[in-house]
All heavy atoms as atom14 arrays in JSON, in Angstrom:
{
  "sequence": "LGIDKFYVIGISGGAPYTAACAWKMPSRIIMAGI",
  "atom14_mask": [
    [1, 1, 1, 1, 1, 1, 1, 1, 0, 0, 0, 0, 0, 0],
    [1, 1, 1, 1, 0, 0, 0, 0, 0, 0, 0, 0, 0, 0],
    [1, 1, 1, 1, 1, 1, 1, 1, 0, 0, 0, 0, 0, 0],
    [1, 1, 1, 1, 1, 1, 1, 1, 0, 0, 0, 0, 0, 0],
    [1, 1, 1, 1, 1, 1, 1, 1, 1, 0, 0, 0, 0, 0],
    [1, 1, 1, 1, 1, 1, 1, 1, 1, 1, 1, 0, 0, 0],
    [1, 1, 1, 1, 1, 1, 1, 1, 1, 1, 1, 1, 0, 0],
    [1, 1, 1, 1, 1, 1, 1, 0, 0, 0, 0, 0, 0, 0],
    [1, 1, 1, 1, 1, 1, 1, 1, 0, 0, 0, 0, 0, 0],
    [1, 1, 1, 1, 0, 0, 0, 0, 0, 0, 0, 0, 0, 0],
    [1, 1, 1, 1, 1, 1, 1, 1, 0, 0, 0, 0, 0, 0],
    [1, 1, 1, 1, 1, 1, 0, 0, 0, 0, 0, 0, 0, 0],
    [1, 1, 1, 1, 0, 0, 0, 0, 0, 0, 0, 0, 0, 0],
    [1, 1, 1, 1, 0, 0, 0, 0, 0, 0, 0, 0, 0, 0],
    [1, 1, 1, 1, 1, 0, 0, 0, 0, 0, 0, 0, 0, 0],
    [1, 1, 1, 1, 1, 1, 1, 0, 0, 0, 0, 0, 0, 0],
    [1, 1, 1, 1, 1, 1, 1, 1, 1, 1, 1, 1, 0, 0],
    [1, 1, 1, 1, 1, 1, 1, 0, 0, 0, 0, 0, 0, 0],
    [1, 1, 1, 1, 1, 0, 0, 0, 0, 0, 0, 0, 0, 0],
    [1, 1, 1, 1, 1, 0, 0, 0, 0, 0, 0, 0, 0, 0],
    [1, 1, 1, 1, 1, 1, 0, 0, 0, 0, 0, 0, 0, 0],
    [1, 1, 1, 1, 1, 0, 0, 0, 0, 0, 0, 0, 0, 0],
    [1, 1, 1, 1, 1, 1, 1, 1, 1, 1, 1, 1, 1, 1],
    [1, 1, 1, 1, 1, 1, 1, 1, 1, 0, 0, 0, 0, 0],
    [1, 1, 1, 1, 1, 1, 1, 1, 0, 0, 0, 0, 0, 0],
    [1, 1, 1, 1, 1, 1, 1, 0, 0, 0, 0, 0, 0, 0],
    [1, 1, 1, 1, 1, 1, 0, 0, 0, 0, 0, 0, 0, 0],
    [1, 1, 1, 1, 1, 1, 1, 1, 1, 1, 1, 0, 0, 0],
    [1, 1, 1, 1, 1, 1, 1, 1, 0, 0, 0, 0, 0, 0],
    [1, 1, 1, 1, 1, 1, 1, 1, 0, 0, 0, 0, 0, 0],
    [1, 1, 1, 1, 1, 1, 1, 1, 0, 0, 0, 0, 0, 0],
    [1, 1, 1, 1, 1, 0, 0, 0, 0, 0, 0, 0, 0, 0],
    [1, 1, 1, 1, 0, 0, 0, 0, 0, 0, 0, 0, 0, 0],
    [1, 1, 1, 1, 1, 1, 1, 1, 0, 0, 0, 0, 0, 0]
  ],
  "atom14_positions": [
    [[-52.41, -139.75, 85.99], [-52.35, -138.41, 86.56], [-52.49, -138.44, 88.09], [-52.49, -137.38, 88.72], [-53.43, -137.52, 85.96], [-53.03, -136.7, 84.72], [-52.64, -137.62, 83.57], [-54.14, -135.76, 84.3], [0.0, 0.0, 0.0], [0.0, 0.0, 0.0], [0.0, 0.0, 0.0], [0.0, 0.0, 0.0], [0.0, 0.0, 0.0], [0.0, 0.0, 0.0]],
    [[-52.63, -139.64, 88.66], [-52.77, -139.75, 90.11], [-54.12, -139.29, 90.63], [-54.24, -138.84, 91.77], [0.0, 0.0, 0.0], [0.0, 0.0, 0.0], [0.0, 0.0, 0.0], [0.0, 0.0, 0.0], [0.0, 0.0, 0.0], [0.0, 0.0, 0.0], [0.0, 0.0, 0.0], [0.0, 0.0, 0.0], [0.0, 0.0, 0.0], [0.0, 0.0, 0.0]],
    [[-55.15, -139.41, 89.79], [-56.5, -138.99, 90.18], [-57.33, -140.22, 90.49], [-57.47, -141.11, 89.66], [-57.16, -138.17, 89.05], [-56.34, -136.92, 88.73], [-58.59, -137.81, 89.42], [-56.81, -136.19, 87.48], [0.0, 0.0, 0.0], [0.0, 0.0, 0.0], [0.0, 0.0, 0.0], [0.0, 0.0, 0.0], [0.0, 0.0, 0.0], [0.0, 0.0, 0.0]],
    [[-57.92, -140.26, 91.68], [-58.73, -141.41, 92.07], [-60.18, -141.21, 91.65], [-60.71, -141.92, 90.81], [-58.64, -141.63, 93.58], [-59.47, -142.81, 94.04], [-59.73, -143.71, 93.23], [-59.87, -142.84, 95.23], [0.0, 0.0, 0.0], [0.0, 0.0, 0.0], [0.0, 0.0, 0.0], [0.0, 0.0, 0.0], [0.0, 0.0, 0.0], [0.0, 0.0, 0.0]],
    [[-60.84, -140.19, 92.21], [-62.23, -139.91, 91.88], [-62.3, -138.56, 91.17], [-61.53, -137.66, 91.46], [-63.1, -139.92, 93.14], [-63.08, -141.27, 93.83], [-64.15, -141.35, 94.9], [-64.12, -142.75, 95.51], [-65.37, -143.13, 96.13], [0.0, 0.0, 0.0], [0.0, 0.0, 0.0], [0.0, 0.0, 0.0], [0.0, 0.0, 0.0], [0.0, 0.0, 0.0]],
    [[-63.26, -138.45, 90.26], [-63.32, -137.25, 89.43], [-64.72, -137.05, 88.85], [-65.56, -137.95, 88.89], [-62.28, -137.34, 88.3], [-62.31, -138.63, 87.54], [-63.08, -138.79, 86.4], [-61.57, -139.73, 87.99], [-63.1, -140.0, 85.7], [-61.58, -140.94, 87.3], [-62.36, -141.07, 86.15], [0.0, 0.0, 0.0], [0.0, 0.0, 0.0], [0.0, 0.0, 0.0]],
    [[-64.93, -135.85, 88.35], [-66.16, -135.5, 87.65], [-65.93, -135.69, 86.15], [-64.8, -135.57, 85.68], [-66.53, -134.04, 87.89], [-66.77, -133.68, 89.34], [-65.69, -133.45, 90.2], [-68.06, -133.54, 89.84], [-65.9, -133.1, 91.53], [-68.28, -133.19, 91.18], [-67.2, -132.97, 92.01], [-67.4, -132.63, 93.32], [0.0, 0.0, 0.0], [0.0, 0.0, 0.0]],
    [[-67.0, -135.96, 85.41], [-66.9, -135.99, 83.95], [-68.01, -135.12, 83.37], [-69.1, -135.03, 83.93], [-67.0, -137.42, 83.34], [-65.75, -138.22, 83.63], [-68.24, -138.15, 83.83], [0.0, 0.0, 0.0], [0.0, 0.0, 0.0], [0.0, 0.0, 0.0], [0.0, 0.0, 0.0], [0.0, 0.0, 0.0], [0.0, 0.0, 0.0], [0.0, 0.0, 0.0]],
    [[-67.69, -134.46, 82.27], [-68.68, -133.64, 81.58], [-68.44, -133.77, 80.09], [-67.3, -133.79, 79.63], [-68.58, -132.17, 82.06], [-69.71, -131.33, 81.45], [-67.23, -131.55, 81.74], [-69.86, -129.98, 82.09], [0.0, 0.0, 0.0], [0.0, 0.0, 0.0], [0.0, 0.0, 0.0], [0.0, 0.0, 0.0], [0.0, 0.0, 0.0], [0.0, 0.0, 0.0]],
    [[-69.53, -133.9, 79.33], [-69.41, -134.03, 77.89], [-70.42, -133.15, 77.18], [-71.53, -132.92, 77.68], [0.0, 0.0, 0.0], [0.0, 0.0, 0.0], [0.0, 0.0, 0.0], [0.0, 0.0, 0.0], [0.0, 0.0, 0.0], [0.0, 0.0, 0.0], [0.0, 0.0, 0.0], [0.0, 0.0, 0.0], [0.0, 0.0, 0.0], [0.0, 0.0, 0.0]],
    [[-70.03, -132.65, 76.03], [-70.91, -131.79, 75.23], [-71.17, -132.44, 73.88], [-70.26, -133.03, 73.29], [-70.31, -130.37, 75.08], [-71.32, -129.43, 74.41], [-69.01, -130.39, 74.3], [-70.91, -127.96, 74.48], [0.0, 0.0, 0.0], [0.0, 0.0, 0.0], [0.0, 0.0, 0.0], [0.0, 0.0, 0.0], [0.0, 0.0, 0.0], [0.0, 0.0, 0.0]],
    [[-72.39, -132.39, 73.42], [-72.77, -132.86, 72.09], [-72.29, -134.3, 71.86], [-72.73, -135.21, 72.53], [-72.22, -131.89, 71.04], [-72.71, -132.18, 69.77], [0.0, 0.0, 0.0], [0.0, 0.0, 0.0], [0.0, 0.0, 0.0], [0.0, 0.0, 0.0], [0.0, 0.0, 0.0], [0.0, 0.0, 0.0], [0.0, 0.0, 0.0], [0.0, 0.0, 0.0]],
    [[-71.36, -134.49, 70.91], [-70.87, -135.84, 70.61], [-70.08, -136.48, 71.72], [-69.8, -137.68, 71.69], [0.0, 0.0, 0.0], [0.0, 0.0, 0.0], [0.0, 0.0, 0.0], [0.0, 0.0, 0.0], [0.0, 0.0, 0.0], [0.0, 0.0, 0.0], [0.0, 0.0, 0.0], [0.0, 0.0, 0.0], [0.0, 0.0, 0.0], [0.0, 0.0, 0.0]],
    [[-69.72, -135.71, 72.76], [-69.04, -136.28, 73.92], [-70.0, -136.88, 74.93], [-69.58, -137.57, 75.87], [0.0, 0.0, 0.0], [0.0, 0.0, 0.0], [0.0, 0.0, 0.0], [0.0, 0.0, 0.0], [0.0, 0.0, 0.0], [0.0, 0.0, 0.0], [0.0, 0.0, 0.0], [0.0, 0.0, 0.0], [0.0, 0.0, 0.0], [0.0, 0.0, 0.0]],
    [[-71.31, -136.65, 74.73], [-72.31, -137.13, 75.68], [-72.35, -138.65, 75.84], [-72.38, -139.16, 76.97], [-73.69, -136.61, 75.28], [0.0, 0.0, 0.0], [0.0, 0.0, 0.0], [0.0, 0.0, 0.0], [0.0, 0.0, 0.0], [0.0, 0.0, 0.0], [0.0, 0.0, 0.0], [0.0, 0.0, 0.0], [0.0, 0.0, 0.0], [0.0, 0.0, 0.0]],
    [[-72.35, -139.43, 74.73], [-72.38, -140.88, 74.91], [-71.18, -141.41, 75.71], [-71.3, -142.38, 76.46], [-72.37, -141.42, 73.47], [-72.86, -140.29, 72.64], [-72.39, -139.06, 73.31], [0.0, 0.0, 0.0], [0.0, 0.0, 0.0], [0.0, 0.0, 0.0], [0.0, 0.0, 0.0], [0.0, 0.0, 0.0], [0.0, 0.0, 0.0], [0.0, 0.0, 0.0]],
    [[-70.04, -140.76, 75.56], [-68.83, -141.19, 76.26], [-68.92, -140.85, 77.76], [-68.41, -141.58, 78.6], [-67.6, -140.53, 75.62], [-67.43, -140.96, 74.19], [-68.02, -140.25, 73.15], [-66.71, -142.11, 73.86], [-67.9, -140.66, 71.83], [-66.58, -142.53, 72.55], [-67.18, -141.81, 71.54], [-67.06, -142.24, 70.24], [0.0, 0.0, 0.0], [0.0, 0.0, 0.0]],
    [[-69.6, -139.75, 78.05], [-69.84, -139.38, 79.45], [-70.75, -140.41, 80.1], [-70.48, -140.88, 81.21], [-70.5, -137.99, 79.51], [-69.68, -137.06, 78.81], [-70.69, -137.53, 80.94], [0.0, 0.0, 0.0], [0.0, 0.0, 0.0], [0.0, 0.0, 0.0], [0.0, 0.0, 0.0], [0.0, 0.0, 0.0], [0.0, 0.0, 0.0], [0.0, 0.0, 0.0]],
    [[-71.83, -140.76, 79.41], [-72.77, -141.75, 79.94], [-72.09, -143.11, 80.12], [-72.33, -143.81, 81.1], [-73.98, -141.88, 79.0], [0.0, 0.0, 0.0], [0.0, 0.0, 0.0], [0.0, 0.0, 0.0], [0.0, 0.0, 0.0], [0.0, 0.0, 0.0], [0.0, 0.0, 0.0], [0.0, 0.0, 0.0], [0.0, 0.0, 0.0], [0.0, 0.0, 0.0]],
    [[-71.23, -143.48, 79.17], [-70.53, -144.77, 79.26], [-69.64, -144.82, 80.49], [-69.57, -145.84, 81.19], [-69.7, -145.0, 78.0], [0.0, 0.0, 0.0], [0.0, 0.0, 0.0], [0.0, 0.0, 0.0], [0.0, 0.0, 0.0], [0.0, 0.0, 0.0], [0.0, 0.0, 0.0], [0.0, 0.0, 0.0], [0.0, 0.0, 0.0], [0.0, 0.0, 0.0]],
    [[-68.95, -143.71, 80.79], [-68.08, -143.66, 81.97], [-68.9, -143.76, 83.25], [-68.53, -144.49, 84.19], [-67.26, -142.38, 81.98], [-65.91, -142.38, 80.79], [0.0, 0.0, 0.0], [0.0, 0.0, 0.0], [0.0, 0.0, 0.0], [0.0, 0.0, 0.0], [0.0, 0.0, 0.0], [0.0, 0.0, 0.0], [0.0, 0.0, 0.0], [0.0, 0.0, 0.0]],
    [[-70.01, -143.01, 83.31], [-70.86, -143.04, 84.51], [-71.41, -144.45, 84.75], [-71.54, -144.89, 85.89], [-72.0, -142.04, 84.35], [0.0, 0.0, 0.0], [0.0, 0.0, 0.0], [0.0, 0.0, 0.0], [0.0, 0.0, 0.0], [0.0, 0.0, 0.0], [0.0, 0.0, 0.0], [0.0, 0.0, 0.0], [0.0, 0.0, 0.0], [0.0, 0.0, 0.0]],
    [[-71.73, -145.17, 83.65], [-72.29, -146.51, 83.78], [-71.23, -147.54, 84.15], [-71.46, -148.41, 84.99], [-72.95, -146.91, 82.46], [-73.57, -148.27, 82.5], [-74.79, -148.6, 83.02], [-72.99, -149.49, 82.02], [-75.0, -149.95, 82.89], [-73.92, -150.53, 82.29], [-71.78, -149.8, 81.4], [-73.67, -151.85, 81.94], [-71.54, -151.12, 81.05], [-72.47, -152.12, 81.32]],
    [[-70.03, -147.42, 83.56], [-69.03, -148.47, 83.71], [-68.16, -148.3, 84.95], [-67.61, -149.29, 85.45], [-68.15, -148.54, 82.46], [-67.34, -149.83, 82.38], [-66.72, -150.02, 81.02], [-65.95, -151.34, 80.93], [-65.33, -151.55, 79.61], [0.0, 0.0, 0.0], [0.0, 0.0, 0.0], [0.0, 0.0, 0.0], [0.0, 0.0, 0.0], [0.0, 0.0, 0.0]],
    [[-67.96, -147.08, 85.45], [-67.12, -146.93, 86.64], [-67.76, -145.98, 87.66], [-67.21, -144.92, 87.97], [-65.71, -146.49, 86.27], [-65.59, -145.35, 85.3], [-63.84, -144.92, 85.04], [-63.98, -143.78, 83.69], [0.0, 0.0, 0.0], [0.0, 0.0, 0.0], [0.0, 0.0, 0.0], [0.0, 0.0, 0.0], [0.0, 0.0, 0.0], [0.0, 0.0, 0.0]],
    [[-68.91, -146.39, 88.19], [-69.62, -145.53, 89.14], [-68.85, -145.27, 90.43], [-69.08, -144.26, 91.1], [-70.91, -146.3, 89.43], [-70.58, -147.73, 89.12], [-69.61, -147.66, 87.97], [0.0, 0.0, 0.0], [0.0, 0.0, 0.0], [0.0, 0.0, 0.0], [0.0, 0.0, 0.0], [0.0, 0.0, 0.0], [0.0, 0.0, 0.0], [0.0, 0.0, 0.0]],
    [[-67.92, -146.16, 90.78], [-67.17, -145.96, 92.03], [-66.14, -144.83, 91.91], [-65.67, -144.31, 92.91], [-66.46, -147.26, 92.44], [-65.51, -147.63, 91.47], [0.0, 0.0, 0.0], [0.0, 0.0, 0.0], [0.0, 0.0, 0.0], [0.0, 0.0, 0.0], [0.0, 0.0, 0.0], [0.0, 0.0, 0.0], [0.0, 0.0, 0.0], [0.0, 0.0, 0.0]],
    [[-65.81, -144.43, 90.67], [-64.8, -143.38, 90.48], [-65.4, -142.04, 90.04], [-64.78, -141.0, 90.22], [-63.75, -143.83, 89.47], [-62.97, -145.05, 89.91], [-61.75, -145.3, 89.03], [-60.72, -144.28, 89.21], [-59.51, -144.36, 88.66], [-59.2, -145.42, 87.91], [-58.62, -143.42, 88.85], [0.0, 0.0, 0.0], [0.0, 0.0, 0.0], [0.0, 0.0, 0.0]],
    [[-66.59, -142.1, 89.46], [-67.22, -140.87, 88.97], [-68.04, -140.24, 90.1], [-68.98, -140.83, 90.61], [-68.14, -141.17, 87.77], [-67.38, -141.86, 86.64], [-68.81, -139.89, 87.28], [-66.32, -141.04, 85.99], [0.0, 0.0, 0.0], [0.0, 0.0, 0.0], [0.0, 0.0, 0.0], [0.0, 0.0, 0.0], [0.0, 0.0, 0.0], [0.0, 0.0, 0.0]],
    [[-67.67, -139.02, 90.47], [-68.4, -138.3, 91.51], [-69.73, -137.8, 90.96], [-70.78, -137.93, 91.59], [-67.57, -137.11, 92.03], [-66.24, -137.6, 92.62], [-68.36, -136.3, 93.07], [-65.23, -136.5, 92.88], [0.0, 0.0, 0.0], [0.0, 0.0, 0.0], [0.0, 0.0, 0.0], [0.0, 0.0, 0.0], [0.0, 0.0, 0.0], [0.0, 0.0, 0.0]],
    [[-69.67, -137.24, 89.76], [-70.88, -136.72, 89.11], [-70.6, -136.62, 87.62], [-69.47, -136.36, 87.21], [-71.23, -135.34, 89.68], [-72.56, -134.79, 89.19], [-72.92, -133.15, 89.92], [-73.17, -133.61, 91.64], [0.0, 0.0, 0.0], [0.0, 0.0, 0.0], [0.0, 0.0, 0.0], [0.0, 0.0, 0.0], [0.0, 0.0, 0.0], [0.0, 0.0, 0.0]],
    [[-71.65, -136.84, 86.82], [-71.52, -136.73, 85.36], [-72.49, -135.68, 84.85], [-73.64, -135.61, 85.29], [-71.82, -138.08, 84.7], [0.0, 0.0, 0.0], [0.0, 0.0, 0.0], [0.0, 0.0, 0.0], [0.0, 0.0, 0.0], [0.0, 0.0, 0.0], [0.0, 0.0, 0.0], [0.0, 0.0, 0.0], [0.0, 0.0, 0.0], [0.0, 0.0, 0.0]],
    [[-72.0, -134.84, 83.94], [-72.84, -133.81, 83.34], [-72.83, -133.9, 81.83], [-71.8, -134.16, 81.23], [0.0, 0.0, 0.0], [0.0, 0.0, 0.0], [0.0, 0.0, 0.0], [0.0, 0.0, 0.0], [0.0, 0.0, 0.0], [0.0, 0.0, 0.0], [0.0, 0.0, 0.0], [0.0, 0.0, 0.0], [0.0, 0.0, 0.0], [0.0, 0.0, 0.0]],
    [[-74.0, -133.69, 81.23], [-74.13, -133.73, 79.77], [-74.76, -132.42, 79.3], [-75.77, -131.97, 79.86], [-74.99, -134.93, 79.33], [-74.22, -136.24, 79.55], [-75.41, -134.8, 77.87], [-75.01, -137.5, 79.26], [0.0, 0.0, 0.0], [0.0, 0.0, 0.0], [0.0, 0.0, 0.0], [0.0, 0.0, 0.0], [0.0, 0.0, 0.0], [0.0, 0.0, 0.0]]
  ]
}
């Protein structure tokens, strides 16, 4: 999609996936919300 840096947000069962992204690619995640 041509996106370099971005925010991620996950709800309920999406929370572990949000945490995984924040942990594995901190240089691309601006902020993560659960």
